[in-house]
């Protein structure tokens, strides 16, 4: 009887190496990003991605039917949350738009400091000439969402008299540009950051955005 109970218990207990099914898509995406980064999108193979993820090739196809599907999923999983977070901050921060913009900048800089995160837009930019659908997917799921959030905060600041009457679309480009340049400078061009901490970058960035470059004239 004890043997039967022990056998029953061993059958019901999960094996230590068994992974949760809900974790597998994330593992596959991480493996795909590593493979795309090391070998390039064209040279990467589904079987190598599967091997890196510790699955069979068929196991990968249960979740993603192609490399194209993997890259689009990477956009949504790695970069999409940045845009969605910007949307949430904008919705919650309309009463204090400048502070909301600072919160958004901190979040974006923190995320783009991770080379694995910035690897996704690097891939998209490199492939966009031959695969315009990737650029369109990135634009829809990331750029347009984040841009709308930023433009709403700029418009709120104008309405509150905190910004002068400027074109929100131009202001948003001035806001985003330095953040993306810092990520490209450090991750792609391998330059050293001019700032010891993200806070210093944000402080200087907002000083330029809010006050401009022109020296104040005294009458």
N, C-alpha and C. Protein backbone atom coordinates (compact mmCIF):
# COMPACT_ATOMS: atom_id res chain seq x y z
N UNK A 1 0.84 -1.20 0.00
CA UNK A 1 0.00 0.00 0.00
C UNK A 1 0.88 1.25 0.00
N UNK A 2 1.96 1.20 0.84
CA UNK A 2 2.87 2.34 0.90
C UNK A 2 3.53 2.59 -0.43
N UNK A 3 3.88 1.46 -1.13
CA UNK A 3 4.51 1.60 -2.44
C UNK A 3 3.58 2.26 -3.43
N UNK A 4 2.29 1.87 -3.37
CA UNK A 4 1.31 2.46 -4.29
C UNK A 4 1.18 3.95 -4.03
N UNK A 5 1.13 4.31 -2.71
CA UNK A 5 1.01 5.72 -2.35
C UNK A 5 2.23 6.50 -2.82
N UNK A 6 3.40 5.91 -2.66
CA UNK A 6 4.63 6.58 -3.10
C UNK A 6 4.65 6.77 -4.59
N UNK A 7 4.20 5.73 -5.31
CA UNK A 7 4.17 5.82 -6.78
C UNK A 7 3.19 6.89 -7.22
N UNK A 8 2.02 6.92 -6.53
CA UNK A 8 1.02 7.92 -6.88
C UNK A 8 1.54 9.32 -6.63
N UNK A 9 2.27 9.47 -5.49
CA UNK A 9 2.82 10.78 -5.16
C UNK A 9 3.85 11.22 -6.17
N UNK A 10 4.71 10.27 -6.63
CA UNK A 10 5.75 10.63 -7.59
C UNK A 10 5.15 11.00 -8.93
N UNK A 11 4.01 10.39 -9.28
CA UNK A 11 3.39 10.73 -10.56
C UNK A 11 2.79 12.12 -10.53
N UNK A 12 2.23 12.51 -9.37
CA UNK A 12 1.56 13.80 -9.29
C UNK A 12 2.54 14.95 -9.11
N UNK A 13 3.72 14.67 -8.55
CA UNK A 13 4.69 15.74 -8.32
C UNK A 13 5.36 16.13 -9.63
N UNK A 14 5.46 17.44 -9.93
CA UNK A 14 6.12 17.88 -11.17
C UNK A 14 7.61 17.62 -11.10
N UNK A 15 8.19 17.30 -12.22
CA UNK A 15 9.64 17.08 -12.26
C UNK A 15 10.35 18.41 -12.15
N UNK A 16 11.54 18.38 -11.58
CA UNK A 16 12.25 19.62 -11.32
C UNK A 16 12.60 20.36 -12.61
N UNK A 17 12.82 19.60 -13.70
CA UNK A 17 13.24 20.28 -14.92
C UNK A 17 12.07 20.75 -15.76
N UNK A 18 10.86 20.41 -15.33
CA UNK A 18 9.69 20.83 -16.09
C UNK A 18 9.46 22.33 -15.91
N UNK A 19 9.37 23.07 -17.03
CA UNK A 19 9.15 24.50 -16.94
C UNK A 19 7.68 24.83 -17.12
N UNK A 20 7.27 25.93 -16.53
CA UNK A 20 5.89 26.36 -16.70
C UNK A 20 5.65 26.73 -18.16
N UNK A 21 4.52 26.29 -18.69
CA UNK A 21 4.22 26.56 -20.10
C UNK A 21 4.14 28.05 -20.37
N UNK A 22 3.63 28.82 -19.38
CA UNK A 22 3.48 30.25 -19.62
C UNK A 22 4.82 30.98 -19.66
N UNK A 23 5.89 30.33 -19.19
CA UNK A 23 7.21 30.95 -19.23
C UNK A 23 7.90 30.73 -20.56
N UNK A 24 7.44 29.75 -21.33
CA UNK A 24 8.16 29.39 -22.55
C UNK A 24 8.19 30.49 -23.61
N UNK A 25 7.09 31.21 -23.87
CA UNK A 25 7.19 32.27 -24.88
C UNK A 25 8.27 33.28 -24.54
N UNK A 26 8.38 33.65 -23.27
CA UNK A 26 9.41 34.61 -22.86
C UNK A 26 10.80 34.03 -23.06
N UNK A 27 10.97 32.75 -22.74
CA UNK A 27 12.27 32.11 -22.95
C UNK A 27 12.63 32.05 -24.42
N UNK A 28 11.64 31.77 -25.25
CA UNK A 28 11.88 31.72 -26.69
C UNK A 28 12.25 33.10 -27.22
N UNK A 29 11.56 34.12 -26.76
CA UNK A 29 11.86 35.48 -27.21
C UNK A 29 13.26 35.90 -26.78
N UNK A 30 13.66 35.56 -25.57
CA UNK A 30 15.02 35.88 -25.11
C UNK A 30 16.06 35.16 -25.97
N UNK A 31 15.78 33.91 -26.28
CA UNK A 31 16.69 33.14 -27.13
C UNK A 31 16.76 33.73 -28.53
N UNK A 32 15.61 34.13 -29.06
CA UNK A 32 15.57 34.73 -30.39
C UNK A 32 16.36 36.03 -30.43
N UNK A 33 16.20 36.86 -29.41
CA UNK A 33 16.93 38.13 -29.38
C UNK A 33 18.43 37.89 -29.34
N UNK A 34 18.87 36.91 -28.55
CA UNK A 34 20.30 36.60 -28.49
C UNK A 34 20.80 36.10 -29.84
N UNK A 35 19.99 35.27 -30.49
CA UNK A 35 20.39 34.71 -31.78
C UNK A 35 20.43 35.80 -32.85
N UNK A 36 19.41 36.66 -32.87
CA UNK A 36 19.37 37.76 -33.84
C UNK A 36 20.53 38.71 -33.63
N UNK A 37 20.86 38.97 -32.37
CA UNK A 37 21.93 39.92 -32.05
C UNK A 37 23.29 39.37 -32.43
N UNK A 38 23.51 38.09 -32.15
CA UNK A 38 24.81 37.48 -32.42
C UNK A 38 25.03 37.17 -33.90
N UNK A 39 23.99 36.63 -34.57
CA UNK A 39 24.16 36.15 -35.93
C UNK A 39 23.49 37.02 -36.99
N UNK A 40 22.64 37.92 -36.57
CA UNK A 40 21.87 38.70 -37.52
C UNK A 40 20.56 38.00 -37.83
N UNK A 41 19.58 38.78 -38.23
CA UNK A 41 18.24 38.22 -38.47
C UNK A 41 18.26 37.19 -39.60
N UNK A 42 18.96 37.49 -40.68
CA UNK A 42 18.96 36.61 -41.85
C UNK A 42 19.63 35.26 -41.55
N UNK A 43 20.73 35.29 -40.80
CA UNK A 43 21.48 34.06 -40.54
C UNK A 43 20.87 33.22 -39.41
N UNK A 44 20.07 33.83 -38.57
CA UNK A 44 19.48 33.09 -37.45
C UNK A 44 18.51 32.02 -37.97
N UNK A 45 18.53 30.85 -37.33
CA UNK A 45 17.65 29.75 -37.73
C UNK A 45 16.73 29.37 -36.57
N UNK A 46 15.54 28.94 -36.91
CA UNK A 46 14.58 28.57 -35.89
C UNK A 46 15.11 27.43 -35.02
N UNK A 47 15.81 26.48 -35.63
CA UNK A 47 16.34 25.35 -34.85
C UNK A 47 17.39 25.81 -33.83
N UNK A 48 18.17 26.83 -34.20
CA UNK A 48 19.17 27.35 -33.27
C UNK A 48 18.50 28.12 -32.13
N UNK A 49 17.45 28.84 -32.46
CA UNK A 49 16.68 29.54 -31.43
C UNK A 49 16.08 28.52 -30.47
N UNK A 50 15.53 27.45 -31.03
CA UNK A 50 14.94 26.40 -30.20
C UNK A 50 15.98 25.78 -29.29
N UNK A 51 17.15 25.48 -29.84
CA UNK A 51 18.22 24.87 -29.05
C UNK A 51 18.65 25.81 -27.90
N UNK A 52 18.75 27.09 -28.21
CA UNK A 52 19.15 28.05 -27.19
C UNK A 52 18.09 28.17 -26.09
N UNK A 53 16.83 27.99 -26.48
CA UNK A 53 15.73 28.06 -25.51
C UNK A 53 15.52 26.75 -24.78
N UNK A 54 16.23 25.69 -25.20
CA UNK A 54 16.09 24.39 -24.57
C UNK A 54 14.82 23.67 -24.99
N UNK A 55 14.37 23.93 -26.22
CA UNK A 55 13.16 23.30 -26.74
C UNK A 55 13.46 22.64 -28.07
N UNK A 56 12.52 21.84 -28.52
CA UNK A 56 12.61 21.31 -29.88
C UNK A 56 12.15 22.39 -30.85
N UNK A 57 12.51 22.22 -32.11
CA UNK A 57 12.07 23.17 -33.13
C UNK A 57 10.54 23.22 -33.17
N UNK A 58 9.92 22.04 -33.06
CA UNK A 58 8.46 22.00 -33.04
C UNK A 58 7.88 22.73 -31.84
N UNK A 59 8.61 22.73 -30.72
CA UNK A 59 8.15 23.45 -29.54
C UNK A 59 8.08 24.94 -29.76
N UNK A 60 9.05 25.46 -30.52
CA UNK A 60 9.04 26.89 -30.84
C UNK A 60 7.86 27.22 -31.76
N UNK A 61 7.61 26.34 -32.73
CA UNK A 61 6.53 26.60 -33.67
C UNK A 61 5.14 26.54 -33.02
N UNK A 62 5.05 25.97 -31.83
CA UNK A 62 3.78 25.99 -31.11
C UNK A 62 3.40 27.42 -30.73
N UNK A 63 4.42 28.27 -30.58
CA UNK A 63 4.18 29.64 -30.14
C UNK A 63 4.40 30.68 -31.25
N UNK A 64 5.38 30.45 -32.10
CA UNK A 64 5.74 31.41 -33.14
C UNK A 64 5.98 30.66 -34.44
N UNK A 65 5.32 31.09 -35.51
CA UNK A 65 5.39 30.33 -36.75
C UNK A 65 6.51 30.79 -37.69
N UNK A 66 7.27 31.82 -37.30
CA UNK A 66 8.34 32.30 -38.17
C UNK A 66 9.26 33.25 -37.42
N UNK A 67 10.40 33.56 -38.02
CA UNK A 67 11.30 34.55 -37.43
C UNK A 67 10.64 35.92 -37.44
N UNK A 68 9.84 36.20 -38.48
CA UNK A 68 9.14 37.47 -38.55
C UNK A 68 8.19 37.64 -37.37
N UNK A 69 7.48 36.56 -37.05
CA UNK A 69 6.57 36.60 -35.90
C UNK A 69 7.34 36.81 -34.60
N UNK A 70 8.52 36.22 -34.51
CA UNK A 70 9.35 36.39 -33.31
C UNK A 70 9.79 37.84 -33.14
N UNK A 71 10.21 38.48 -34.22
CA UNK A 71 10.67 39.86 -34.11
C UNK A 71 9.52 40.79 -33.76
N UNK A 72 8.36 40.57 -34.36
CA UNK A 72 7.20 41.40 -34.01
C UNK A 72 6.82 41.21 -32.56
N UNK A 73 6.91 39.98 -32.07
CA UNK A 73 6.60 39.71 -30.67
C UNK A 73 7.65 40.37 -29.76
N UNK A 74 8.90 40.41 -30.20
CA UNK A 74 9.94 41.08 -29.43
C UNK A 74 9.65 42.57 -29.31
N UNK A 75 9.17 43.18 -30.38
CA UNK A 75 8.80 44.60 -30.34
C UNK A 75 7.74 44.83 -29.27
N UNK A 76 6.73 43.97 -29.28
CA UNK A 76 5.63 44.13 -28.33
C UNK A 76 6.05 43.82 -26.90
N UNK A 77 6.94 42.85 -26.72
CA UNK A 77 7.33 42.42 -25.37
C UNK A 77 8.40 43.30 -24.75
N UNK A 78 9.37 43.75 -25.55
CA UNK A 78 10.51 44.48 -24.99
C UNK A 78 10.34 45.99 -25.05
N UNK A 79 9.72 46.51 -26.11
CA UNK A 79 9.62 47.96 -26.29
C UNK A 79 8.19 48.46 -26.08
N UNK A 80 7.22 47.62 -26.42
CA UNK A 80 5.83 48.02 -26.24
C UNK A 80 5.50 48.51 -24.84
N UNK A 81 6.00 47.83 -23.78
CA UNK A 81 5.70 48.29 -22.42
C UNK A 81 6.20 49.71 -22.12
N UNK A 82 7.28 50.15 -22.77
CA UNK A 82 7.76 51.52 -22.57
C UNK A 82 6.71 52.51 -23.06
N UNK A 83 6.15 52.24 -24.23
CA UNK A 83 5.11 53.11 -24.79
C UNK A 83 3.84 53.06 -23.95
N UNK A 84 3.49 51.86 -23.50
CA UNK A 84 2.28 51.72 -22.68
C UNK A 84 2.45 52.43 -21.33
N UNK A 85 3.65 52.36 -20.78
CA UNK A 85 3.92 53.06 -19.53
C UNK A 85 3.82 54.57 -19.73
N UNK A 86 4.30 55.05 -20.87
CA UNK A 86 4.18 56.47 -21.18
C UNK A 86 2.71 56.89 -21.24
N UNK A 87 1.91 56.03 -21.81
CA UNK A 87 0.47 56.30 -21.91
C UNK A 87 -0.16 56.40 -20.52
N UNK A 88 0.20 55.48 -19.63
CA UNK A 88 -0.35 55.50 -18.27
C UNK A 88 0.11 56.73 -17.50
N UNK A 89 1.39 57.09 -17.64
CA UNK A 89 1.92 58.27 -16.96
C UNK A 89 1.22 59.53 -17.46
N UNK A 90 1.00 59.60 -18.77
CA UNK A 90 0.33 60.77 -19.35
C UNK A 90 -1.10 60.89 -18.84
N UNK A 91 -1.80 59.77 -18.75
CA UNK A 91 -3.17 59.81 -18.27
C UNK A 91 -3.25 60.23 -16.82
N UNK A 92 -2.31 59.76 -16.01
CA UNK A 92 -2.33 60.07 -14.59
C UNK A 92 -1.73 61.43 -14.27
N UNK A 93 -0.91 61.97 -15.17
CA UNK A 93 -0.16 63.18 -14.86
C UNK A 93 -0.59 64.44 -15.56
N UNK A 94 -1.78 64.46 -16.12
CA UNK A 94 -2.23 65.64 -16.86
C UNK A 94 -2.28 66.89 -15.98
N UNK A 95 -2.52 66.72 -14.68
CA UNK A 95 -2.59 67.87 -13.77
C UNK A 95 -1.21 68.44 -13.45
N UNK A 96 -0.16 67.67 -13.68
CA UNK A 96 1.22 68.12 -13.43
C UNK A 96 2.09 67.61 -14.59
N UNK A 97 1.89 68.18 -15.77
CA UNK A 97 2.51 67.61 -16.98
C UNK A 97 4.04 67.64 -16.99
N UNK A 98 4.65 68.66 -16.43
CA UNK A 98 6.11 68.73 -16.45
C UNK A 98 6.70 67.61 -15.59
N UNK A 99 6.14 67.40 -14.42
CA UNK A 99 6.62 66.31 -13.58
C UNK A 99 6.38 64.97 -14.25
N UNK A 100 5.22 64.84 -14.92
CA UNK A 100 4.92 63.59 -15.64
C UNK A 100 5.94 63.35 -16.75
N UNK A 101 6.35 64.41 -17.43
CA UNK A 101 7.37 64.27 -18.48
C UNK A 101 8.69 63.81 -17.88
N UNK A 102 9.02 64.31 -16.71
CA UNK A 102 10.26 63.89 -16.05
C UNK A 102 10.19 62.41 -15.65
N UNK A 103 9.04 62.00 -15.12
CA UNK A 103 8.86 60.59 -14.77
C UNK A 103 9.01 59.71 -15.99
N UNK A 104 8.43 60.16 -17.08
CA UNK A 104 8.48 59.39 -18.32
C UNK A 104 9.92 59.30 -18.83
N UNK A 105 10.66 60.41 -18.74
CA UNK A 105 12.05 60.40 -19.18
C UNK A 105 12.89 59.44 -18.35
N UNK A 106 12.68 59.44 -17.03
CA UNK A 106 13.42 58.53 -16.17
C UNK A 106 13.14 57.07 -16.54
N UNK A 107 11.87 56.77 -16.78
CA UNK A 107 11.50 55.40 -17.13
C UNK A 107 12.14 54.99 -18.45
N UNK A 108 12.10 55.89 -19.44
CA UNK A 108 12.65 55.57 -20.76
C UNK A 108 14.16 55.38 -20.70
N UNK A 109 14.84 56.28 -20.01
CA UNK A 109 16.30 56.18 -19.90
C UNK A 109 16.70 54.91 -19.18
N UNK A 110 15.95 54.58 -18.13
CA UNK A 110 16.25 53.36 -17.38
C UNK A 110 16.11 52.12 -18.25
N UNK A 111 15.06 52.06 -19.06
CA UNK A 111 14.83 50.90 -19.91
C UNK A 111 15.86 50.83 -21.04
N UNK A 112 16.14 51.95 -21.67
CA UNK A 112 17.08 51.95 -22.79
C UNK A 112 18.53 51.76 -22.34
N UNK A 113 18.78 51.87 -21.05
CA UNK A 113 20.12 51.58 -20.54
C UNK A 113 20.45 50.10 -20.64
N UNK A 114 19.41 49.28 -20.75
CA UNK A 114 19.59 47.83 -20.90
C UNK A 114 19.88 47.52 -22.36
N UNK A 115 21.06 47.01 -22.68
CA UNK A 115 21.40 46.72 -24.09
C UNK A 115 20.45 45.73 -24.74
N UNK A 116 19.86 44.83 -23.95
CA UNK A 116 18.93 43.86 -24.52
C UNK A 116 17.65 44.53 -24.98
N UNK A 117 17.27 45.60 -24.30
CA UNK A 117 16.08 46.35 -24.71
C UNK A 117 16.38 47.15 -25.97
N UNK A 118 17.51 47.87 -25.97
CA UNK A 118 17.82 48.70 -27.13
C UNK A 118 18.18 47.87 -28.35
N UNK A 119 18.50 46.60 -28.14
CA UNK A 119 18.82 45.72 -29.28
C UNK A 119 17.63 45.58 -30.22
N UNK A 120 16.42 45.71 -29.71
CA UNK A 120 15.23 45.53 -30.55
C UNK A 120 15.08 46.67 -31.55
N UNK A 121 15.07 47.94 -31.12
CA UNK A 121 15.01 49.01 -32.13
C UNK A 121 16.20 49.00 -33.09
N UNK A 122 17.37 48.56 -32.61
CA UNK A 122 18.52 48.44 -33.51
C UNK A 122 18.22 47.46 -34.62
N UNK A 123 17.63 46.34 -34.27
CA UNK A 123 17.27 45.34 -35.28
C UNK A 123 16.26 45.90 -36.27
N UNK A 124 15.26 46.59 -35.76
CA UNK A 124 14.20 47.13 -36.62
C UNK A 124 14.78 48.15 -37.60
N UNK A 125 15.62 49.04 -37.10
CA UNK A 125 16.23 50.05 -37.98
C UNK A 125 17.06 49.38 -39.06
N UNK A 126 17.84 48.38 -38.68
CA UNK A 126 18.68 47.70 -39.65
C UNK A 126 17.91 46.93 -40.71
N UNK A 127 16.72 46.48 -40.37
CA UNK A 127 15.93 45.65 -41.29
C UNK A 127 14.83 46.42 -42.02
N UNK A 128 14.58 47.64 -41.60
CA UNK A 128 13.41 48.36 -42.11
C UNK A 128 13.45 48.60 -43.62
N UNK A 129 14.65 48.71 -44.19
CA UNK A 129 14.73 48.93 -45.64
C UNK A 129 14.23 47.73 -46.43
N UNK A 130 14.53 46.52 -45.95
CA UNK A 130 14.11 45.30 -46.65
C UNK A 130 12.80 44.73 -46.11
N UNK A 131 12.47 45.08 -44.86
CA UNK A 131 11.26 44.57 -44.24
C UNK A 131 10.44 45.74 -43.69
N UNK A 132 9.79 46.50 -44.56
CA UNK A 132 9.03 47.66 -44.09
C UNK A 132 7.92 47.31 -43.12
N UNK A 133 7.49 46.05 -43.13
CA UNK A 133 6.44 45.65 -42.19
C UNK A 133 6.93 45.72 -40.74
N UNK A 134 8.23 45.53 -40.52
CA UNK A 134 8.76 45.65 -39.16
C UNK A 134 8.70 47.10 -38.70
N UNK A 135 9.07 48.01 -39.61
CA UNK A 135 9.00 49.43 -39.26
C UNK A 135 7.56 49.84 -38.98
N UNK A 136 6.63 49.33 -39.77
CA UNK A 136 5.22 49.66 -39.56
C UNK A 136 4.73 49.11 -38.23
N UNK A 137 5.15 47.91 -37.91
CA UNK A 137 4.74 47.29 -36.64
C UNK A 137 5.30 48.08 -35.46
N UNK A 138 6.55 48.47 -35.56
CA UNK A 138 7.18 49.26 -34.49
C UNK A 138 6.50 50.62 -34.36
N UNK A 139 6.22 51.23 -35.49
CA UNK A 139 5.57 52.54 -35.46
C UNK A 139 4.19 52.47 -34.80
N UNK A 140 3.43 51.41 -35.14
CA UNK A 140 2.08 51.28 -34.60
C UNK A 140 2.08 50.96 -33.11
N UNK A 141 2.93 50.01 -32.70
CA UNK A 141 2.88 49.52 -31.32
C UNK A 141 3.75 50.31 -30.35
N UNK A 142 4.67 51.12 -30.87
CA UNK A 142 5.57 51.85 -29.98
C UNK A 142 5.50 53.36 -30.22
N UNK A 143 5.93 53.78 -31.41
CA UNK A 143 6.12 55.20 -31.67
C UNK A 143 4.82 55.99 -31.56
N UNK A 144 3.78 55.53 -32.20
CA UNK A 144 2.54 56.29 -32.20
C UNK A 144 1.91 56.35 -30.81
N UNK A 145 2.05 55.28 -30.04
CA UNK A 145 1.51 55.27 -28.68
C UNK A 145 2.27 56.25 -27.79
N UNK A 146 3.60 56.18 -27.84
CA UNK A 146 4.43 57.06 -27.01
C UNK A 146 4.29 58.51 -27.45
N UNK A 147 4.27 58.73 -28.75
CA UNK A 147 4.17 60.11 -29.25
C UNK A 147 2.85 60.75 -28.82
N UNK A 148 1.76 60.01 -28.90
CA UNK A 148 0.47 60.55 -28.49
C UNK A 148 0.47 60.91 -27.00
N UNK A 149 1.11 60.06 -26.20
CA UNK A 149 1.18 60.34 -24.76
C UNK A 149 1.97 61.61 -24.49
N UNK A 150 3.12 61.74 -25.15
CA UNK A 150 3.95 62.92 -24.95
C UNK A 150 3.27 64.19 -25.45
N UNK A 151 2.63 64.10 -26.60
CA UNK A 151 1.95 65.26 -27.14
C UNK A 151 0.82 65.72 -26.23
N UNK A 152 0.14 64.78 -25.59
CA UNK A 152 -0.93 65.16 -24.67
C UNK A 152 -0.38 65.90 -23.46
N UNK A 153 0.80 65.51 -22.98
CA UNK A 153 1.40 66.20 -21.84
C UNK A 153 1.88 67.59 -22.23
N UNK A 154 2.46 67.72 -23.41
CA UNK A 154 2.87 69.05 -23.89
C UNK A 154 1.65 69.95 -24.03
N UNK A 155 0.59 69.42 -24.62
CA UNK A 155 -0.65 70.20 -24.78
C UNK A 155 -1.21 70.62 -23.42
N UNK A 156 -1.13 69.71 -22.43
CA UNK A 156 -1.62 70.04 -21.09
C UNK A 156 -0.79 71.15 -20.46
N UNK A 157 0.53 71.11 -20.67
CA UNK A 157 1.41 72.15 -20.14
C UNK A 157 1.12 73.50 -20.80
N UNK A 158 0.81 73.48 -22.09
CA UNK A 158 0.45 74.72 -22.80
C UNK A 158 -0.86 75.27 -22.23
N UNK A 159 -1.83 74.40 -22.05
CA UNK A 159 -3.13 74.81 -21.53
C UNK A 159 -3.02 75.40 -20.12
N UNK A 160 -2.08 74.89 -19.34
CA UNK A 160 -1.90 75.38 -17.97
C UNK A 160 -1.00 76.62 -17.91
N UNK A 161 -0.49 77.05 -19.05
CA UNK A 161 0.37 78.22 -19.09
C UNK A 161 1.80 77.93 -18.66
N UNK A 162 2.17 76.65 -18.59
CA UNK A 162 3.53 76.29 -18.17
C UNK A 162 4.49 76.25 -19.35
N UNK A 163 3.97 76.00 -20.54
CA UNK A 163 4.74 76.09 -21.78
C UNK A 163 4.15 77.21 -22.62
N UNK A 164 4.99 77.85 -23.41
CA UNK A 164 4.44 78.80 -24.37
C UNK A 164 3.73 78.05 -25.48
N UNK A 165 3.07 78.77 -26.34
CA UNK A 165 2.25 78.15 -27.38
C UNK A 165 3.15 77.60 -28.49
N UNK A 166 3.56 76.37 -28.33
CA UNK A 166 4.46 75.73 -29.27
C UNK A 166 3.75 74.58 -29.96
N UNK A 167 4.37 74.06 -31.01
CA UNK A 167 3.82 72.92 -31.73
C UNK A 167 4.18 71.64 -30.95
N UNK A 168 3.20 70.93 -30.40
CA UNK A 168 3.51 69.72 -29.61
C UNK A 168 4.33 68.69 -30.36
N UNK A 169 4.08 68.53 -31.65
CA UNK A 169 4.82 67.50 -32.40
C UNK A 169 6.31 67.83 -32.45
N UNK A 170 6.63 69.12 -32.62
CA UNK A 170 8.04 69.52 -32.63
C UNK A 170 8.66 69.38 -31.24
N UNK A 171 7.90 69.73 -30.22
CA UNK A 171 8.40 69.64 -28.85
C UNK A 171 8.70 68.20 -28.48
N UNK A 172 7.86 67.28 -28.92
CA UNK A 172 8.06 65.87 -28.61
C UNK A 172 9.34 65.35 -29.25
N UNK A 173 9.63 65.78 -30.44
CA UNK A 173 10.88 65.36 -31.10
C UNK A 173 12.09 65.89 -30.34
N UNK A 174 12.00 67.12 -29.86
CA UNK A 174 13.09 67.69 -29.07
C UNK A 174 13.24 66.95 -27.75
N UNK A 175 12.14 66.43 -27.22
CA UNK A 175 12.16 65.70 -25.97
C UNK A 175 12.78 64.30 -26.15
N UNK A 176 12.38 63.60 -27.20
CA UNK A 176 12.81 62.22 -27.41
C UNK A 176 14.25 62.13 -27.92
N UNK A 177 14.64 63.08 -28.75
CA UNK A 177 15.94 63.01 -29.42
C UNK A 177 17.13 62.72 -28.52
N UNK A 178 17.35 63.50 -27.46
CA UNK A 178 18.52 63.26 -26.59
C UNK A 178 18.50 61.90 -25.91
N UNK A 179 17.32 61.40 -25.58
CA UNK A 179 17.22 60.09 -24.92
C UNK A 179 17.67 58.99 -25.88
N UNK A 180 17.19 59.06 -27.11
CA UNK A 180 17.59 58.06 -28.10
C UNK A 180 19.06 58.19 -28.47
N UNK A 181 19.55 59.45 -28.54
CA UNK A 181 20.96 59.64 -28.86
C UNK A 181 21.85 59.03 -27.78
N UNK A 182 21.48 59.21 -26.52
CA UNK A 182 22.28 58.65 -25.42
C UNK A 182 22.36 57.13 -25.53
N UNK A 183 21.22 56.50 -25.87
CA UNK A 183 21.20 55.04 -26.02
C UNK A 183 22.04 54.61 -27.21
N UNK A 184 21.95 55.33 -28.32
CA UNK A 184 22.73 54.97 -29.51
C UNK A 184 24.22 55.20 -29.25
N UNK A 185 24.52 56.30 -28.57
CA UNK A 185 25.92 56.62 -28.29
C UNK A 185 26.59 55.54 -27.45
N UNK A 186 25.89 55.05 -26.43
CA UNK A 186 26.49 54.08 -25.53
C UNK A 186 26.43 52.65 -26.06
N UNK A 187 25.31 52.26 -26.70
CA UNK A 187 25.14 50.86 -27.12
C UNK A 187 25.66 50.57 -28.52
N UNK A 188 25.54 51.53 -29.41
CA UNK A 188 25.92 51.29 -30.81
C UNK A 188 27.33 51.83 -31.10
N UNK A 189 27.56 53.09 -30.74
CA UNK A 189 28.85 53.72 -31.02
C UNK A 189 29.89 53.46 -29.94
N UNK A 190 29.46 52.82 -28.85
CA UNK A 190 30.36 52.42 -27.75
C UNK A 190 31.05 53.60 -27.11
N UNK A 191 30.38 54.72 -27.08
CA UNK A 191 30.93 55.89 -26.41
C UNK A 191 30.62 55.87 -24.93
N UNK A 192 31.38 56.62 -24.18
CA UNK A 192 31.15 56.72 -22.74
C UNK A 192 30.12 57.82 -22.49
N UNK A 193 29.19 57.54 -21.59
CA UNK A 193 28.18 58.53 -21.27
C UNK A 193 28.84 59.76 -20.65
N UNK A 194 28.32 60.94 -21.00
CA UNK A 194 28.84 62.18 -20.42
C UNK A 194 28.28 62.42 -19.03
N UNK A 195 27.40 61.53 -18.60
CA UNK A 195 26.73 61.74 -17.31
C UNK A 195 26.94 60.53 -16.41
N UNK A 196 27.21 60.80 -15.13
CA UNK A 196 27.47 59.73 -14.18
C UNK A 196 26.21 58.93 -13.87
N UNK A 197 25.07 59.62 -13.86
CA UNK A 197 23.81 58.97 -13.52
C UNK A 197 22.72 59.43 -14.47
N UNK A 198 21.68 58.63 -14.65
CA UNK A 198 20.54 59.05 -15.47
C UNK A 198 19.91 60.34 -14.96
N UNK A 199 19.95 60.57 -13.64
CA UNK A 199 19.36 61.77 -13.08
C UNK A 199 20.05 63.03 -13.61
N UNK A 200 21.37 62.97 -13.76
CA UNK A 200 22.10 64.12 -14.29
C UNK A 200 21.73 64.38 -15.75
N UNK A 201 21.57 63.29 -16.49
CA UNK A 201 21.15 63.43 -17.89
C UNK A 201 19.78 64.10 -17.96
N UNK A 202 18.85 63.65 -17.15
CA UNK A 202 17.51 64.22 -17.16
C UNK A 202 17.54 65.68 -16.74
N UNK A 203 18.34 65.99 -15.71
CA UNK A 203 18.43 67.37 -15.23
C UNK A 203 18.90 68.31 -16.34
N UNK A 204 19.97 67.91 -17.04
CA UNK A 204 20.49 68.75 -18.12
C UNK A 204 19.54 68.78 -19.32
N UNK A 205 18.96 67.64 -19.59
CA UNK A 205 18.02 67.55 -20.71
C UNK A 205 16.85 68.50 -20.50
N UNK A 206 16.28 68.49 -19.31
CA UNK A 206 15.12 69.35 -19.06
C UNK A 206 15.52 70.81 -18.97
N UNK A 207 16.73 71.09 -18.53
CA UNK A 207 17.18 72.47 -18.52
C UNK A 207 17.21 73.03 -19.94
N UNK A 208 17.72 72.22 -20.89
CA UNK A 208 17.77 72.66 -22.28
C UNK A 208 16.37 72.76 -22.87
N UNK A 209 15.54 71.73 -22.63
CA UNK A 209 14.20 71.72 -23.20
C UNK A 209 13.35 72.87 -22.66
N UNK A 210 13.44 73.12 -21.37
CA UNK A 210 12.58 74.13 -20.76
C UNK A 210 13.10 75.55 -20.94
N UNK A 211 14.44 75.72 -21.00
CA UNK A 211 14.99 77.07 -21.02
C UNK A 211 15.71 77.41 -22.32
N UNK A 212 15.96 76.43 -23.15
CA UNK A 212 16.62 76.70 -24.42
C UNK A 212 18.11 76.92 -24.26
N UNK A 213 18.74 77.35 -25.35
CA UNK A 213 20.19 77.55 -25.37
C UNK A 213 20.59 79.02 -25.35
N UNK A 214 19.68 79.89 -25.73
CA UNK A 214 20.02 81.31 -25.83
C UNK A 214 20.26 81.90 -24.45
N UNK A 215 21.30 82.72 -24.35
CA UNK A 215 21.61 83.37 -23.09
C UNK A 215 20.58 84.46 -22.82
N UNK A 216 20.14 84.56 -21.57
CA UNK A 216 19.17 85.60 -21.22
C UNK A 216 19.81 86.95 -21.35
N UNK A 217 19.06 87.85 -21.97
CA UNK A 217 19.57 89.21 -22.15
C UNK A 217 19.10 90.10 -21.01
N UNK A 218 20.01 90.91 -20.54
CA UNK A 218 19.63 91.85 -19.50
C UNK A 218 19.41 93.22 -20.13
N UNK A 219 18.40 93.89 -19.71
CA UNK A 219 18.08 95.19 -20.31
C UNK A 219 18.96 96.29 -19.75
